PDB file of all heavy atoms in Angstrom:
ATOM      1  N   THR A   1      35.702 -17.136   0.212  1.00  0.00           N
ATOM      2  CA  THR A   1      34.748 -16.027   0.169  1.00  0.00           C
ATOM      3  C   THR A   1      33.673 -16.276  -0.872  1.00  0.00           C
ATOM      4  O   THR A   1      33.970 -16.611  -2.011  1.00  0.00           O
ATOM      5  CB  THR A   1      35.492 -14.712  -0.144  1.00  0.00           C
ATOM      6  OG1 THR A   1      36.468 -14.482   0.880  1.00  0.00           O
ATOM      7  CG2 THR A   1      34.551 -13.532  -0.228  1.00  0.00           C
ATOM      8  N   LEU A   2      32.414 -16.088  -0.454  1.00  0.00           N
ATOM      9  CA  LEU A   2      31.283 -16.101  -1.369  1.00  0.00           C
ATOM     10  C   LEU A   2      30.911 -14.656  -1.633  1.00  0.00           C
ATOM     11  O   LEU A   2      30.549 -13.930  -0.709  1.00  0.00           O
ATOM     12  CB  LEU A   2      30.089 -16.845  -0.774  1.00  0.00           C
ATOM     13  CG  LEU A   2      28.811 -16.786  -1.608  1.00  0.00           C
ATOM     14  CD1 LEU A   2      28.990 -17.529  -2.939  1.00  0.00           C
ATOM     15  CD2 LEU A   2      27.635 -17.348  -0.827  1.00  0.00           C
ATOM     16  N   LEU A   3      31.032 -14.234  -2.876  1.00  0.00           N
ATOM     17  CA  LEU A   3      30.714 -12.865  -3.257  1.00  0.00           C
ATOM     18  C   LEU A   3      29.617 -12.902  -4.303  1.00  0.00           C
ATOM     19  O   LEU A   3      29.724 -13.622  -5.299  1.00  0.00           O
ATOM     20  CB  LEU A   3      31.959 -12.169  -3.823  1.00  0.00           C
ATOM     21  CG  LEU A   3      31.762 -10.721  -4.250  1.00  0.00           C
ATOM     22  CD1 LEU A   3      33.011  -9.915  -3.941  1.00  0.00           C
ATOM     23  CD2 LEU A   3      31.417 -10.586  -5.711  1.00  0.00           C
ATOM     24  N   SER A   4      28.564 -12.141  -4.065  1.00  0.00           N
ATOM     25  CA  SER A   4      27.498 -12.012  -5.051  1.00  0.00           C
ATOM     26  C   SER A   4      26.908 -10.621  -4.920  1.00  0.00           C
ATOM     27  O   SER A   4      27.139  -9.921  -3.927  1.00  0.00           O
ATOM     28  CB  SER A   4      26.431 -13.086  -4.821  1.00  0.00           C
ATOM     29  OG  SER A   4      25.813 -13.412  -6.034  1.00  0.00           O
ATOM     30  N   ASN A   5      26.128 -10.217  -5.926  1.00  0.00           N
ATOM     31  CA  ASN A   5      25.563  -8.869  -5.878  1.00  0.00           C
ATOM     32  C   ASN A   5      24.328  -8.822  -4.986  1.00  0.00           C
ATOM     33  O   ASN A   5      23.769  -9.849  -4.601  1.00  0.00           O
ATOM     34  CB  ASN A   5      25.297  -8.327  -7.282  1.00  0.00           C
ATOM     35  CG  ASN A   5      24.223  -9.081  -8.020  1.00  0.00           C
ATOM     36  OD1 ASN A   5      23.323  -9.670  -7.434  1.00  0.00           O
ATOM     37  ND2 ASN A   5      24.290  -9.060  -9.333  1.00  0.00           N
ATOM     38  N   ALA A   6      23.913  -7.615  -4.655  1.00  0.00           N
ATOM     39  CA  ALA A   6      22.792  -7.412  -3.742  1.00  0.00           C
ATOM     40  C   ALA A   6      21.514  -8.062  -4.266  1.00  0.00           C
ATOM     41  O   ALA A   6      20.766  -8.669  -3.495  1.00  0.00           O
ATOM     42  CB  ALA A   6      22.584  -5.921  -3.513  1.00  0.00           C
ATOM     43  N   GLU A   7      21.267  -7.957  -5.559  1.00  0.00           N
ATOM     44  CA  GLU A   7      20.052  -8.539  -6.125  1.00  0.00           C
ATOM     45  C   GLU A   7      20.010 -10.053  -5.930  1.00  0.00           C
ATOM     46  O   GLU A   7      18.952 -10.626  -5.626  1.00  0.00           O
ATOM     47  CB  GLU A   7      19.927  -8.205  -7.613  1.00  0.00           C
ATOM     48  CG  GLU A   7      18.644  -8.723  -8.225  1.00  0.00           C
ATOM     49  CD  GLU A   7      18.508  -8.453  -9.709  1.00  0.00           C
ATOM     50  OE1 GLU A   7      19.474  -7.975 -10.336  1.00  0.00           O
ATOM     51  OE2 GLU A   7      17.425  -8.728 -10.250  1.00  0.00           O
ATOM     52  N   THR A   8      21.127 -10.724  -6.059  1.00  0.00           N
ATOM     53  CA  THR A   8      21.173 -12.177  -5.880  1.00  0.00           C
ATOM     54  C   THR A   8      20.808 -12.565  -4.454  1.00  0.00           C
ATOM     55  O   THR A   8      20.031 -13.504  -4.232  1.00  0.00           O
ATOM     56  CB  THR A   8      22.558 -12.720  -6.255  1.00  0.00           C
ATOM     57  OG1 THR A   8      22.819 -12.405  -7.623  1.00  0.00           O
ATOM     58  CG2 THR A   8      22.645 -14.220  -6.054  1.00  0.00           C
ATOM     59  N   TYR A   9      21.351 -11.847  -3.465  1.00  0.00           N
ATOM     60  CA  TYR A   9      21.002 -12.148  -2.078  1.00  0.00           C
ATOM     61  C   TYR A   9      19.526 -11.846  -1.803  1.00  0.00           C
ATOM     62  O   TYR A   9      18.877 -12.575  -1.042  1.00  0.00           O
ATOM     63  CB  TYR A   9      21.913 -11.398  -1.102  1.00  0.00           C
ATOM     64  CG  TYR A   9      23.317 -11.948  -1.085  1.00  0.00           C
ATOM     65  CD1 TYR A   9      24.390 -11.194  -1.523  1.00  0.00           C
ATOM     66  CD2 TYR A   9      23.564 -13.236  -0.627  1.00  0.00           C
ATOM     67  CE1 TYR A   9      25.684 -11.701  -1.502  1.00  0.00           C
ATOM     68  CE2 TYR A   9      24.855 -13.758  -0.609  1.00  0.00           C
ATOM     69  CZ  TYR A   9      25.904 -12.986  -1.047  1.00  0.00           C
ATOM     70  OH  TYR A   9      27.182 -13.495  -1.021  1.00  0.00           O
ATOM     71  N   ALA A  10      18.995 -10.787  -2.411  1.00  0.00           N
ATOM     72  CA  ALA A  10      17.567 -10.495  -2.260  1.00  0.00           C
ATOM     73  C   ALA A  10      16.727 -11.633  -2.840  1.00  0.00           C
ATOM     74  O   ALA A  10      15.731 -12.050  -2.248  1.00  0.00           O
ATOM     75  CB  ALA A  10      17.217  -9.166  -2.941  1.00  0.00           C
ATOM     76  N   GLN A  11      17.133 -12.157  -3.999  1.00  0.00           N
ATOM     77  CA  GLN A  11      16.420 -13.288  -4.611  1.00  0.00           C
ATOM     78  C   GLN A  11      16.457 -14.508  -3.692  1.00  0.00           C
ATOM     79  O   GLN A  11      15.464 -15.234  -3.569  1.00  0.00           O
ATOM     80  CB  GLN A  11      17.036 -13.643  -5.965  1.00  0.00           C
ATOM     81  CG  GLN A  11      16.782 -12.636  -7.042  1.00  0.00           C
ATOM     82  CD  GLN A  11      15.344 -12.676  -7.548  1.00  0.00           C
ATOM     83  OE1 GLN A  11      14.547 -13.525  -7.197  1.00  0.00           O
ATOM     84  NE2 GLN A  11      15.016 -11.736  -8.400  1.00  0.00           N
ATOM     85  N   LEU A  12      17.588 -14.760  -3.065  1.00  0.00           N
ATOM     86  CA  LEU A  12      17.714 -15.884  -2.140  1.00  0.00           C
ATOM     87  C   LEU A  12      16.730 -15.727  -0.979  1.00  0.00           C
ATOM     88  O   LEU A  12      16.056 -16.687  -0.585  1.00  0.00           O
ATOM     89  CB  LEU A  12      19.150 -15.982  -1.625  1.00  0.00           C
ATOM     90  CG  LEU A  12      19.442 -17.069  -0.596  1.00  0.00           C
ATOM     91  CD1 LEU A  12      19.120 -18.458  -1.140  1.00  0.00           C
ATOM     92  CD2 LEU A  12      20.894 -16.988  -0.163  1.00  0.00           C
ATOM     93  N   ALA A  13      16.628 -14.519  -0.446  1.00  0.00           N
ATOM     94  CA  ALA A  13      15.700 -14.268   0.660  1.00  0.00           C
ATOM     95  C   ALA A  13      14.250 -14.477   0.224  1.00  0.00           C
ATOM     96  O   ALA A  13      13.461 -15.081   0.952  1.00  0.00           O
ATOM     97  CB  ALA A  13      15.895 -12.854   1.202  1.00  0.00           C
ATOM     98  N   VAL A  14      13.905 -13.997  -0.959  1.00  0.00           N
ATOM     99  CA  VAL A  14      12.542 -14.177  -1.470  1.00  0.00           C
ATOM    100  C   VAL A  14      12.245 -15.665  -1.653  1.00  0.00           C
ATOM    101  O   VAL A  14      11.182 -16.156  -1.247  1.00  0.00           O
ATOM    102  CB  VAL A  14      12.333 -13.403  -2.792  1.00  0.00           C
ATOM    103  CG1 VAL A  14      11.019 -13.795  -3.462  1.00  0.00           C
ATOM    104  CG2 VAL A  14      12.366 -11.904  -2.535  1.00  0.00           C
ATOM    105  N   ALA A  15      13.164 -16.393  -2.258  1.00  0.00           N
ATOM    106  CA  ALA A  15      12.974 -17.831  -2.474  1.00  0.00           C
ATOM    107  C   ALA A  15      12.788 -18.559  -1.141  1.00  0.00           C
ATOM    108  O   ALA A  15      11.946 -19.451  -1.027  1.00  0.00           O
ATOM    109  CB  ALA A  15      14.152 -18.418  -3.251  1.00  0.00           C
ATOM    110  N   ALA A  16      13.552 -18.164  -0.133  1.00  0.00           N
ATOM    111  CA  ALA A  16      13.426 -18.812   1.176  1.00  0.00           C
ATOM    112  C   ALA A  16      12.081 -18.484   1.822  1.00  0.00           C
ATOM    113  O   ALA A  16      11.472 -19.341   2.459  1.00  0.00           O
ATOM    114  CB  ALA A  16      14.569 -18.369   2.090  1.00  0.00           C
ATOM    115  N   ARG A  17      11.601 -17.269   1.627  1.00  0.00           N
ATOM    116  CA  ARG A  17      10.329 -16.860   2.231  1.00  0.00           C
ATOM    117  C   ARG A  17       9.125 -17.531   1.594  1.00  0.00           C
ATOM    118  O   ARG A  17       8.199 -17.931   2.282  1.00  0.00           O
ATOM    119  CB  ARG A  17      10.164 -15.341   2.144  1.00  0.00           C
ATOM    120  CG  ARG A  17      11.009 -14.611   3.127  1.00  0.00           C
ATOM    121  CD  ARG A  17      10.788 -13.123   3.054  1.00  0.00           C
ATOM    122  NE  ARG A  17      11.708 -12.449   3.953  1.00  0.00           N
ATOM    123  CZ  ARG A  17      11.821 -11.147   4.035  1.00  0.00           C
ATOM    124  NH1 ARG A  17      11.071 -10.362   3.288  1.00  0.00           N
ATOM    125  NH2 ARG A  17      12.674 -10.613   4.868  1.00  0.00           N
ATOM    126  N   ILE A  18       9.122 -17.612   0.262  1.00  0.00           N
ATOM    127  CA  ILE A  18       7.925 -18.144  -0.399  1.00  0.00           C
ATOM    128  C   ILE A  18       8.037 -19.629  -0.722  1.00  0.00           C
ATOM    129  O   ILE A  18       7.053 -20.246  -1.095  1.00  0.00           O
ATOM    130  CB  ILE A  18       7.564 -17.337  -1.667  1.00  0.00           C
ATOM    131  CG1 ILE A  18       8.616 -17.494  -2.759  1.00  0.00           C
ATOM    132  CG2 ILE A  18       7.336 -15.871  -1.324  1.00  0.00           C
ATOM    133  CD1 ILE A  18       8.230 -16.827  -4.072  1.00  0.00           C
ATOM    134  N   GLY A  19       9.217 -20.196  -0.582  1.00  0.00           N
ATOM    135  CA  GLY A  19       9.412 -21.620  -0.811  1.00  0.00           C
ATOM    136  C   GLY A  19       9.752 -21.935  -2.255  1.00  0.00           C
ATOM    137  O   GLY A  19       9.447 -21.170  -3.170  1.00  0.00           O
ATOM    138  N   PRO A  20      10.394 -23.085  -2.467  1.00  0.00           N
ATOM    139  CA  PRO A  20      10.884 -23.432  -3.805  1.00  0.00           C
ATOM    140  C   PRO A  20       9.772 -23.632  -4.844  1.00  0.00           C
ATOM    141  O   PRO A  20       9.917 -23.261  -5.996  1.00  0.00           O
ATOM    142  CB  PRO A  20      11.672 -24.719  -3.589  1.00  0.00           C
ATOM    143  CG  PRO A  20      11.213 -25.244  -2.284  1.00  0.00           C
ATOM    144  CD  PRO A  20      10.753 -24.082  -1.472  1.00  0.00           C
ATOM    145  N   ARG A  21       8.657 -24.201  -4.423  1.00  0.00           N
ATOM    146  CA  ARG A  21       7.579 -24.448  -5.384  1.00  0.00           C
ATOM    147  C   ARG A  21       7.007 -23.139  -5.920  1.00  0.00           C
ATOM    148  O   ARG A  21       6.889 -22.938  -7.120  1.00  0.00           O
ATOM    149  CB  ARG A  21       6.487 -25.298  -4.729  1.00  0.00           C
ATOM    150  CG  ARG A  21       5.343 -25.648  -5.646  1.00  0.00           C
ATOM    151  CD  ARG A  21       4.427 -26.674  -4.957  1.00  0.00           C
ATOM    152  NE  ARG A  21       3.092 -26.671  -5.455  1.00  0.00           N
ATOM    153  CZ  ARG A  21       2.720 -27.214  -6.599  1.00  0.00           C
ATOM    154  NH1 ARG A  21       3.622 -27.782  -7.361  1.00  0.00           N
ATOM    155  NH2 ARG A  21       1.468 -27.172  -6.988  1.00  0.00           N
ATOM    156  N   ARG A  22       6.664 -22.248  -5.006  1.00  0.00           N
ATOM    157  CA  ARG A  22       6.089 -20.959  -5.436  1.00  0.00           C
ATOM    158  C   ARG A  22       7.126 -20.130  -6.202  1.00  0.00           C
ATOM    159  O   ARG A  22       6.813 -19.499  -7.198  1.00  0.00           O
ATOM    160  CB  ARG A  22       5.575 -20.208  -4.214  1.00  0.00           C
ATOM    161  CG  ARG A  22       4.824 -18.962  -4.560  1.00  0.00           C
ATOM    162  CD  ARG A  22       4.110 -18.408  -3.349  1.00  0.00           C
ATOM    163  NE  ARG A  22       3.654 -17.064  -3.616  1.00  0.00           N
ATOM    164  CZ  ARG A  22       3.489 -16.152  -2.689  1.00  0.00           C
ATOM    165  NH1 ARG A  22       3.696 -16.442  -1.420  1.00  0.00           N
ATOM    166  NH2 ARG A  22       3.084 -14.945  -3.016  1.00  0.00           N
ATOM    167  N   TYR A  23       8.368 -20.150  -5.725  1.00  0.00           N
ATOM    168  CA  TYR A  23       9.425 -19.405  -6.412  1.00  0.00           C
ATOM    169  C   TYR A  23       9.617 -19.943  -7.827  1.00  0.00           C
ATOM    170  O   TYR A  23       9.766 -19.183  -8.776  1.00  0.00           O
ATOM    171  CB  TYR A  23      10.744 -19.490  -5.632  1.00  0.00           C
ATOM    172  CG  TYR A  23      11.835 -18.615  -6.201  1.00  0.00           C
ATOM    173  CD1 TYR A  23      11.915 -17.277  -5.863  1.00  0.00           C
ATOM    174  CD2 TYR A  23      12.783 -19.127  -7.075  1.00  0.00           C
ATOM    175  CE1 TYR A  23      12.910 -16.465  -6.375  1.00  0.00           C
ATOM    176  CE2 TYR A  23      13.789 -18.327  -7.594  1.00  0.00           C
ATOM    177  CZ  TYR A  23      13.846 -16.997  -7.239  1.00  0.00           C
ATOM    178  OH  TYR A  23      14.830 -16.194  -7.760  1.00  0.00           O
ATOM    179  N   GLY A  24       9.589 -21.258  -7.972  1.00  0.00           N
ATOM    180  CA  GLY A  24       9.756 -21.887  -9.283  1.00  0.00           C
ATOM    181  C   GLY A  24       8.643 -21.578 -10.257  1.00  0.00           C
ATOM    182  O   GLY A  24       8.826 -21.657 -11.471  1.00  0.00           O
ATOM    183  N   HIS A  25       7.488 -21.187  -9.730  1.00  0.00           N
ATOM    184  CA  HIS A  25       6.359 -20.840 -10.592  1.00  0.00           C
ATOM    185  C   HIS A  25       6.252 -19.340 -10.845  1.00  0.00           C
ATOM    186  O   HIS A  25       5.328 -18.881 -11.509  1.00  0.00           O
ATOM    187  CB  HIS A  25       5.049 -21.368  -9.994  1.00  0.00           C
ATOM    188  CG  HIS A  25       4.930 -22.847 -10.130  1.00  0.00           C
ATOM    189  ND1 HIS A  25       5.304 -23.708  -9.118  1.00  0.00           N
ATOM    190  CD2 HIS A  25       4.531 -23.626 -11.158  1.00  0.00           C
ATOM    191  CE1 HIS A  25       5.121 -24.944  -9.506  1.00  0.00           C
ATOM    192  NE2 HIS A  25       4.661 -24.934 -10.756  1.00  0.00           N
ATOM    193  N   THR A  26       7.172 -18.575 -10.293  1.00  0.00           N
ATOM    194  CA  THR A  26       7.231 -17.137 -10.536  1.00  0.00           C
ATOM    195  C   THR A  26       8.228 -16.902 -11.667  1.00  0.00           C
ATOM    196  O   THR A  26       9.274 -17.523 -11.710  1.00  0.00           O
ATOM    197  CB  THR A  26       7.704 -16.395  -9.272  1.00  0.00           C
ATOM    198  OG1 THR A  26       6.830 -16.714  -8.205  1.00  0.00           O
ATOM    199  CG2 THR A  26       7.733 -14.901  -9.475  1.00  0.00           C
TER     200      THR A  26
END
């Protein structure tokens, strides 16, 4: 089981949407 909080999954979705380069500069 992978368990994480809601904020972590939201961050994953944002990173996937904007890409690693842009996410890394935020």
